[in-house]
Amino acid sequence: MMKLRALLLVVPLLLTACSTTRTPPVVRFQEQDRANLIVRYYTDETSYVLKPQATDGPFLSILRRDDVVKVASQSAGRELAVVILVNYPYQGEGDAVMSKWTGLLTGLGYQHVVFLGGYGGKHVNGLPILAQAD
């Protein structure tokens, strides 16, 4: 009877140990200085352009998507654009936003677009890379 109880305890442990999946390591962005455009995107009505900095006096300007596109179109360099997604916890929602931004920015001639997760903090370097488009 003791052997049966021990077996009943060990089998579930072995089954759960075998089913463990490994998650890929998080790749973090480290090219802030190289970026030509950095946008912190909340919604189509609320974004901030961090580089080149769009300000209203000492404060960052709140821009609509069309205004961000105007700033992006005036940038001298078009190698790297970065869009920080702040409020998109659901993959489907984020995918639609990334698709829209990819079309807009590559249409302006940006060669590489990187999407970062902007959960907390104001630093760009070190944020997790969600997706990239060339």
N, C-alpha and C. Protein backbone atom coordinates (compact mmCIF):
# COMPACT_ATOMS: atom_id res chain seq x y z
N MET A 1 0.82 -1.19 0.00
CA MET A 1 0.00 0.00 0.00
C MET A 1 0.87 1.27 0.00
N MET A 2 1.98 1.25 0.74
CA MET A 2 2.88 2.40 0.78
C MET A 2 3.50 2.66 -0.60
N LYS A 3 3.83 1.60 -1.31
CA LYS A 3 4.42 1.75 -2.63
C LYS A 3 3.43 2.40 -3.59
N LEU A 4 2.16 2.05 -3.47
CA LEU A 4 1.13 2.62 -4.32
C LEU A 4 0.98 4.11 -4.05
N ARG A 5 0.97 4.51 -2.78
CA ARG A 5 0.85 5.93 -2.41
C ARG A 5 2.07 6.71 -2.93
N ALA A 6 3.23 6.14 -2.78
CA ALA A 6 4.44 6.81 -3.26
C ALA A 6 4.40 6.97 -4.77
N LEU A 7 3.92 5.97 -5.45
CA LEU A 7 3.81 6.02 -6.91
C LEU A 7 2.81 7.09 -7.33
N LEU A 8 1.69 7.18 -6.59
CA LEU A 8 0.68 8.19 -6.91
C LEU A 8 1.21 9.61 -6.70
N LEU A 9 2.14 9.79 -5.82
CA LEU A 9 2.74 11.10 -5.59
C LEU A 9 3.81 11.43 -6.63
N VAL A 10 4.55 10.44 -7.05
CA VAL A 10 5.67 10.66 -7.96
C VAL A 10 5.20 10.87 -9.40
N VAL A 11 4.20 10.13 -9.85
CA VAL A 11 3.75 10.21 -11.24
C VAL A 11 3.31 11.63 -11.61
N PRO A 12 2.44 12.32 -10.84
CA PRO A 12 2.07 13.69 -11.22
C PRO A 12 3.27 14.63 -11.25
N LEU A 13 4.21 14.42 -10.34
CA LEU A 13 5.40 15.26 -10.33
C LEU A 13 6.20 15.08 -11.63
N LEU A 14 6.37 13.85 -12.05
CA LEU A 14 7.10 13.58 -13.28
C LEU A 14 6.37 14.13 -14.50
N LEU A 15 5.06 14.02 -14.51
CA LEU A 15 4.29 14.52 -15.64
C LEU A 15 4.40 16.03 -15.77
N THR A 16 4.33 16.73 -14.66
CA THR A 16 4.44 18.19 -14.73
C THR A 16 5.85 18.63 -15.07
N ALA A 17 6.84 17.91 -14.62
CA ALA A 17 8.23 18.24 -14.94
C ALA A 17 8.48 18.07 -16.43
N CYS A 18 7.88 17.11 -17.06
CA CYS A 18 8.08 16.86 -18.49
C CYS A 18 7.35 17.88 -19.34
N SER A 19 6.32 18.49 -18.81
CA SER A 19 5.52 19.41 -19.61
C SER A 19 5.99 20.86 -19.52
N THR A 20 7.06 21.11 -18.82
CA THR A 20 7.57 22.47 -18.68
C THR A 20 8.06 22.98 -20.03
N THR A 21 7.61 24.16 -20.40
CA THR A 21 8.05 24.77 -21.64
C THR A 21 9.01 25.90 -21.33
N ARG A 22 9.92 26.10 -22.19
CA ARG A 22 10.90 27.18 -22.04
C ARG A 22 10.42 28.37 -22.86
N THR A 23 10.41 29.53 -22.24
CA THR A 23 10.06 30.74 -22.97
C THR A 23 11.35 31.34 -23.52
N PRO A 24 11.28 31.89 -24.72
CA PRO A 24 12.49 32.48 -25.29
C PRO A 24 12.92 33.70 -24.46
N PRO A 25 14.20 33.99 -24.42
CA PRO A 25 14.66 35.15 -23.66
C PRO A 25 14.12 36.44 -24.28
N VAL A 26 13.89 37.41 -23.45
CA VAL A 26 13.40 38.71 -23.92
C VAL A 26 14.57 39.47 -24.53
N VAL A 27 14.38 39.94 -25.77
CA VAL A 27 15.40 40.74 -26.43
C VAL A 27 15.08 42.20 -26.14
N ARG A 28 16.08 42.91 -25.68
CA ARG A 28 15.87 44.31 -25.28
C ARG A 28 16.55 45.26 -26.28
N PHE A 29 15.89 46.38 -26.51
CA PHE A 29 16.35 47.39 -27.45
C PHE A 29 17.54 48.15 -26.86
N GLN A 30 18.55 48.42 -27.70
CA GLN A 30 19.74 49.14 -27.24
C GLN A 30 20.24 50.15 -28.28
N GLU A 31 19.38 50.63 -29.16
CA GLU A 31 19.83 51.49 -30.26
C GLU A 31 19.18 52.87 -30.24
N GLN A 32 18.89 53.39 -29.08
CA GLN A 32 18.22 54.68 -28.97
C GLN A 32 18.99 55.79 -29.71
N ASP A 33 20.29 55.81 -29.58
CA ASP A 33 21.09 56.86 -30.21
C ASP A 33 21.04 56.79 -31.74
N ARG A 34 20.88 55.61 -32.29
CA ARG A 34 20.85 55.41 -33.74
C ARG A 34 19.49 55.73 -34.37
N ALA A 35 18.43 55.75 -33.56
CA ALA A 35 17.07 55.95 -34.08
C ALA A 35 16.88 57.37 -34.61
N ASN A 36 16.22 57.46 -35.76
CA ASN A 36 15.89 58.76 -36.34
C ASN A 36 14.57 59.29 -35.81
N LEU A 37 13.68 58.38 -35.42
CA LEU A 37 12.36 58.74 -34.93
C LEU A 37 12.00 57.81 -33.77
N ILE A 38 11.56 58.40 -32.66
CA ILE A 38 11.06 57.60 -31.53
C ILE A 38 9.72 58.18 -31.12
N VAL A 39 8.69 57.32 -31.18
CA VAL A 39 7.33 57.73 -30.84
C VAL A 39 6.84 56.89 -29.66
N ARG A 40 6.28 57.56 -28.66
CA ARG A 40 5.61 56.85 -27.56
C ARG A 40 4.12 56.93 -27.87
N TYR A 41 3.55 55.78 -28.29
CA TYR A 41 2.18 55.72 -28.80
C TYR A 41 1.23 55.16 -27.73
N TYR A 42 0.19 55.94 -27.44
CA TYR A 42 -0.87 55.51 -26.52
C TYR A 42 -2.12 55.16 -27.32
N THR A 43 -2.59 56.11 -28.11
CA THR A 43 -3.76 55.93 -28.98
C THR A 43 -3.53 56.78 -30.22
N ASP A 44 -4.45 56.70 -31.19
CA ASP A 44 -4.34 57.55 -32.37
C ASP A 44 -4.46 59.03 -32.03
N GLU A 45 -5.05 59.33 -30.89
CA GLU A 45 -5.24 60.71 -30.45
C GLU A 45 -4.13 61.21 -29.53
N THR A 46 -3.34 60.29 -28.99
CA THR A 46 -2.34 60.67 -27.99
C THR A 46 -1.03 59.93 -28.23
N SER A 47 -0.05 60.67 -28.70
CA SER A 47 1.30 60.16 -28.87
C SER A 47 2.28 61.27 -28.52
N TYR A 48 3.49 60.88 -28.19
CA TYR A 48 4.57 61.83 -27.94
C TYR A 48 5.73 61.46 -28.85
N VAL A 49 6.33 62.46 -29.48
CA VAL A 49 7.52 62.22 -30.28
C VAL A 49 8.72 62.57 -29.40
N LEU A 50 9.49 61.55 -29.05
CA LEU A 50 10.65 61.73 -28.18
C LEU A 50 11.90 62.12 -28.97
N LYS A 51 11.94 61.71 -30.25
CA LYS A 51 13.09 62.04 -31.09
C LYS A 51 12.63 62.11 -32.53
N PRO A 52 12.79 63.23 -33.23
CA PRO A 52 13.21 64.51 -32.70
C PRO A 52 12.13 65.04 -31.77
N GLN A 53 12.54 65.61 -30.70
CA GLN A 53 11.60 65.97 -29.64
C GLN A 53 10.62 67.05 -30.11
N ALA A 54 9.34 66.76 -29.97
CA ALA A 54 8.28 67.72 -30.31
C ALA A 54 7.76 68.27 -28.99
N THR A 55 8.02 69.56 -28.74
CA THR A 55 7.65 70.15 -27.46
C THR A 55 6.75 71.36 -27.63
N ASP A 56 6.07 71.65 -26.54
CA ASP A 56 5.27 72.86 -26.41
C ASP A 56 5.82 73.54 -25.17
N GLY A 57 6.77 74.44 -25.36
CA GLY A 57 7.48 75.01 -24.23
C GLY A 57 8.36 73.93 -23.62
N PRO A 58 8.31 73.78 -22.30
CA PRO A 58 9.16 72.77 -21.65
C PRO A 58 8.56 71.36 -21.66
N PHE A 59 7.36 71.21 -22.19
CA PHE A 59 6.66 69.93 -22.14
C PHE A 59 6.59 69.28 -23.52
N LEU A 60 6.54 67.95 -23.52
CA LEU A 60 6.34 67.23 -24.79
C LEU A 60 4.93 67.52 -25.30
N SER A 61 4.81 67.73 -26.59
CA SER A 61 3.50 67.98 -27.20
C SER A 61 2.73 66.67 -27.34
N ILE A 62 1.44 66.74 -27.08
CA ILE A 62 0.55 65.61 -27.32
C ILE A 62 0.13 65.71 -28.78
N LEU A 63 0.42 64.67 -29.54
CA LEU A 63 0.15 64.69 -30.97
C LEU A 63 -0.81 63.59 -31.39
N ARG A 64 -1.63 63.91 -32.37
CA ARG A 64 -2.47 62.90 -33.03
C ARG A 64 -1.60 62.14 -34.02
N ARG A 65 -2.06 60.98 -34.46
CA ARG A 65 -1.27 60.16 -35.38
C ARG A 65 -0.85 60.94 -36.63
N ASP A 66 -1.76 61.71 -37.22
CA ASP A 66 -1.43 62.47 -38.43
C ASP A 66 -0.31 63.48 -38.18
N ASP A 67 -0.30 64.08 -36.99
CA ASP A 67 0.76 65.03 -36.64
C ASP A 67 2.10 64.32 -36.46
N VAL A 68 2.07 63.11 -35.91
CA VAL A 68 3.29 62.32 -35.77
C VAL A 68 3.84 61.99 -37.16
N VAL A 69 2.96 61.65 -38.09
CA VAL A 69 3.38 61.34 -39.46
C VAL A 69 4.03 62.57 -40.10
N LYS A 70 3.51 63.77 -39.82
CA LYS A 70 4.12 65.00 -40.35
C LYS A 70 5.54 65.16 -39.82
N VAL A 71 5.72 64.96 -38.52
CA VAL A 71 7.06 65.05 -37.92
C VAL A 71 7.97 64.00 -38.55
N ALA A 72 7.47 62.78 -38.70
CA ALA A 72 8.26 61.70 -39.28
C ALA A 72 8.66 62.00 -40.71
N SER A 73 7.79 62.68 -41.45
CA SER A 73 8.09 62.99 -42.86
C SER A 73 9.13 64.08 -42.99
N GLN A 74 9.35 64.86 -41.94
CA GLN A 74 10.32 65.95 -41.98
C GLN A 74 11.70 65.52 -41.48
N SER A 75 11.83 64.31 -41.00
CA SER A 75 13.10 63.82 -40.48
C SER A 75 14.11 63.68 -41.62
N ALA A 76 15.33 64.12 -41.37
CA ALA A 76 16.38 64.03 -42.40
C ALA A 76 16.78 62.58 -42.65
N GLY A 77 16.96 61.81 -41.59
CA GLY A 77 17.35 60.41 -41.73
C GLY A 77 16.13 59.51 -41.69
N ARG A 78 16.19 58.40 -42.38
CA ARG A 78 15.05 57.48 -42.42
C ARG A 78 15.50 56.03 -42.24
N GLU A 79 16.56 55.81 -41.47
CA GLU A 79 17.06 54.45 -41.29
C GLU A 79 16.25 53.67 -40.26
N LEU A 80 15.98 54.27 -39.10
CA LEU A 80 15.36 53.53 -38.00
C LEU A 80 14.27 54.35 -37.33
N ALA A 81 13.07 53.79 -37.28
CA ALA A 81 11.96 54.39 -36.54
C ALA A 81 11.58 53.43 -35.41
N VAL A 82 11.29 53.99 -34.25
CA VAL A 82 10.92 53.20 -33.09
C VAL A 82 9.54 53.66 -32.61
N VAL A 83 8.64 52.71 -32.40
CA VAL A 83 7.32 53.01 -31.86
C VAL A 83 7.17 52.23 -30.57
N ILE A 84 6.97 52.96 -29.48
CA ILE A 84 6.79 52.34 -28.17
C ILE A 84 5.30 52.21 -27.92
N LEU A 85 4.82 50.98 -27.80
CA LEU A 85 3.40 50.73 -27.56
C LEU A 85 3.17 50.65 -26.07
N VAL A 86 2.29 51.50 -25.57
CA VAL A 86 2.10 51.60 -24.13
C VAL A 86 0.88 50.83 -23.63
N ASN A 87 -0.24 50.92 -24.29
CA ASN A 87 -1.48 50.36 -23.77
C ASN A 87 -2.02 49.19 -24.58
N TYR A 88 -1.20 48.23 -24.93
CA TYR A 88 -1.67 47.14 -25.78
C TYR A 88 -1.32 45.78 -25.21
N PRO A 89 -2.05 45.38 -24.14
CA PRO A 89 -1.75 44.09 -23.51
C PRO A 89 -2.22 42.89 -24.32
N TYR A 90 -3.15 43.10 -25.27
CA TYR A 90 -3.68 41.99 -26.05
C TYR A 90 -3.01 41.95 -27.41
N GLN A 91 -2.55 40.78 -27.82
CA GLN A 91 -1.78 40.62 -29.04
C GLN A 91 -2.53 41.12 -30.28
N GLY A 92 -3.81 40.80 -30.41
CA GLY A 92 -4.56 41.20 -31.60
C GLY A 92 -4.62 42.71 -31.77
N GLU A 93 -4.85 43.40 -30.69
CA GLU A 93 -4.90 44.86 -30.71
C GLU A 93 -3.55 45.43 -31.13
N GLY A 94 -2.50 44.94 -30.51
CA GLY A 94 -1.15 45.40 -30.82
C GLY A 94 -0.76 45.11 -32.25
N ASP A 95 -1.17 43.96 -32.77
CA ASP A 95 -0.86 43.60 -34.15
C ASP A 95 -1.46 44.60 -35.14
N ALA A 96 -2.68 45.02 -34.90
CA ALA A 96 -3.34 45.98 -35.78
C ALA A 96 -2.62 47.33 -35.74
N VAL A 97 -2.23 47.76 -34.57
CA VAL A 97 -1.51 49.03 -34.42
C VAL A 97 -0.15 48.94 -35.11
N MET A 98 0.57 47.84 -34.91
CA MET A 98 1.88 47.68 -35.53
C MET A 98 1.77 47.65 -37.05
N SER A 99 0.75 47.00 -37.57
CA SER A 99 0.55 46.94 -39.01
C SER A 99 0.32 48.34 -39.59
N LYS A 100 -0.50 49.12 -38.92
CA LYS A 100 -0.80 50.48 -39.38
C LYS A 100 0.47 51.34 -39.38
N TRP A 101 1.22 51.31 -38.27
CA TRP A 101 2.44 52.11 -38.17
C TRP A 101 3.50 51.64 -39.16
N THR A 102 3.61 50.34 -39.38
CA THR A 102 4.58 49.83 -40.34
C THR A 102 4.27 50.39 -41.73
N GLY A 103 3.02 50.36 -42.13
CA GLY A 103 2.62 50.90 -43.43
C GLY A 103 2.92 52.39 -43.55
N LEU A 104 2.58 53.15 -42.51
CA LEU A 104 2.81 54.60 -42.54
C LEU A 104 4.30 54.93 -42.62
N LEU A 105 5.09 54.29 -41.78
CA LEU A 105 6.51 54.66 -41.70
C LEU A 105 7.33 54.12 -42.86
N THR A 106 7.05 52.91 -43.30
CA THR A 106 7.78 52.41 -44.47
C THR A 106 7.34 53.18 -45.72
N GLY A 107 6.09 53.63 -45.74
CA GLY A 107 5.62 54.47 -46.84
C GLY A 107 6.35 55.80 -46.91
N LEU A 108 6.86 56.27 -45.77
CA LEU A 108 7.66 57.50 -45.75
C LEU A 108 9.13 57.24 -46.05
N GLY A 109 9.48 55.97 -46.19
CA GLY A 109 10.86 55.64 -46.53
C GLY A 109 11.72 55.13 -45.39
N TYR A 110 11.13 54.91 -44.21
CA TYR A 110 11.92 54.36 -43.11
C TYR A 110 12.28 52.92 -43.45
N GLN A 111 13.55 52.60 -43.30
CA GLN A 111 14.05 51.29 -43.69
C GLN A 111 13.78 50.21 -42.66
N HIS A 112 13.74 50.58 -41.41
CA HIS A 112 13.58 49.60 -40.34
C HIS A 112 12.67 50.21 -39.27
N VAL A 113 11.63 49.47 -38.87
CA VAL A 113 10.70 49.93 -37.83
C VAL A 113 10.72 48.90 -36.71
N VAL A 114 10.93 49.38 -35.49
CA VAL A 114 10.99 48.51 -34.32
C VAL A 114 9.88 48.91 -33.36
N PHE A 115 9.17 47.91 -32.84
CA PHE A 115 8.11 48.14 -31.87
C PHE A 115 8.57 47.64 -30.51
N LEU A 116 8.42 48.50 -29.51
CA LEU A 116 8.85 48.16 -28.16
C LEU A 116 7.65 48.16 -27.22
N GLY A 117 7.73 47.35 -26.19
CA GLY A 117 6.73 47.38 -25.12
C GLY A 117 7.10 48.48 -24.15
N GLY A 118 6.20 49.39 -23.91
CA GLY A 118 6.51 50.55 -23.07
C GLY A 118 5.86 50.50 -21.72
N TYR A 119 5.98 49.38 -21.05
CA TYR A 119 5.32 49.19 -19.76
C TYR A 119 6.19 49.75 -18.66
N GLY A 120 5.91 50.97 -18.26
CA GLY A 120 6.63 51.57 -17.15
C GLY A 120 7.95 52.18 -17.56
N GLY A 121 8.28 53.26 -16.93
CA GLY A 121 9.55 53.91 -17.18
C GLY A 121 9.56 54.76 -18.43
N LYS A 122 10.49 55.67 -18.48
CA LYS A 122 10.61 56.59 -19.61
C LYS A 122 11.83 56.30 -20.47
N HIS A 123 12.64 55.33 -20.08
CA HIS A 123 13.83 55.00 -20.85
C HIS A 123 13.45 54.19 -22.08
N VAL A 124 14.19 54.39 -23.16
CA VAL A 124 13.94 53.65 -24.40
C VAL A 124 14.87 52.44 -24.46
N ASN A 125 16.16 52.66 -24.24
CA ASN A 125 17.07 51.52 -24.20
C ASN A 125 16.68 50.61 -23.06
N GLY A 126 16.64 49.33 -23.32
CA GLY A 126 16.26 48.36 -22.30
C GLY A 126 14.82 47.89 -22.40
N LEU A 127 14.00 48.57 -23.21
CA LEU A 127 12.62 48.11 -23.37
C LEU A 127 12.59 46.85 -24.22
N PRO A 128 11.62 45.97 -23.97
CA PRO A 128 11.54 44.73 -24.74
C PRO A 128 11.09 44.97 -26.18
N ILE A 129 11.73 44.28 -27.12
CA ILE A 129 11.35 44.38 -28.53
C ILE A 129 10.17 43.44 -28.76
N LEU A 130 9.07 44.00 -29.26
CA LEU A 130 7.87 43.23 -29.55
C LEU A 130 7.89 42.69 -30.98
N ALA A 131 8.34 43.53 -31.91
CA ALA A 131 8.36 43.14 -33.33
C ALA A 131 9.26 44.09 -34.09
N GLN A 132 9.64 43.67 -35.30
CA GLN A 132 10.46 44.49 -36.18
C GLN A 132 9.98 44.32 -37.60
N ALA A 133 10.11 45.39 -38.38
CA ALA A 133 9.74 45.32 -39.79
C ALA A 133 10.81 46.00 -40.62
N ASP A 134 11.13 45.39 -41.75
CA ASP A 134 12.12 45.98 -42.67
C ASP A 134 11.45 46.39 -43.95
